[in-house]
């Protein structure tokens, strides 16, 4: 396999990995993105106050220190250690750690828990014993109805636009519950931010003589005749002109403001029934600058359906009905020669950044070895 012409549609993590691997193997790569910037939803920029803003909401990189993905990314960036913390805003104005831990339990139940065993016993007394088949049942089996109603059910309804009973169990399983006092959001051995930001990281990945990047250009069928293989990160249902109907995606609208005091944590979750899901203070992330005027930029998030936000597809809503619909699009994709769907929208899967790198390194290796590729995983 030599001197192929490869088109990569989308300049986010999936497309960047595919592009760099193909370029280093000697192929000519053209990356296009309909947005005016690289980085996909991880794109960041520094505002006039020196604060680094993640345009599409906070992206926190975490994984195992010796993983293939972390080693690969480390070729293109230095790192600033950062352990992310989130607190939930309670009705009385207090904040408490999320994920739920021993301190959270003490705050909610007004008790002193002297050991992990006491915390586990309290959780067990609240939990509903069952084998979860959906997200709501995950909440019940982990923390029971009281904590589910306080922290998870209202948040999930506004985040996903459906009742937690309508979401696959994997969505709820992303939320751990702890009996110790560890208040970090993640426990991975490697937690850090790119020293110069995500956009600089992507610029270095694309900095290869065999890679051409064109921004503000959408994919069309006319592209196909110029390339030997096309990797597509656009929504798979959009590619097929919604032949079987639209796959459900959630999106986010953002509102930014200034405030004179620090939040209790980088991110505050609003677990009530109001419109906001969370609020981020950007200068608490260590690769951001701090302002000298005593103010801080904060950004609140309002979830919505993708159709209400210019079809900006952030989160695939996976349930029995949507997965059945996705399978119909996978069948169509299997008949497409020389095309492979990639990324969160192409695969209709919620993929964190490090797993995304891993998945697409493996996919690139198969492609470069001449092995058959799944049209859509």
Foldseek 3Di string as FASTA:
>chain_A
DAAFEEEEEAQALLSLLLQLLCVVLHYFYEYEYQAQAHHAQQDWDQDPQQFIGRPADDAWDFAACPDPLNVVLVVQFDWDFDFAFEWEQAPVGDTFFPPAEQRNCCVVVVDDDDDLVSLVVQQVVAADDDDDFWLVNLCRRGRHDVVCLGFNQLLCCQQQVDGRRQFGNVVNVLGDHYHHDPRGRDDHPGTTAGLQGSRSSSVRSQPGPSYHYHYSDHDDPVVVVVGQAYEAAAALCVVVVVPVHDFWAKGKDKDKDKDQDDDPGQKYAHRDNDQWGIKGFRVVRPSTDDGPPSMTMMMTIGMDTCVVPVNPGDAGRDGPVNVVVVVVSLVVLQPDPRYAYADCRSQVHDDRSSVSSVVSNVQSVCVSVVHDHRNYD
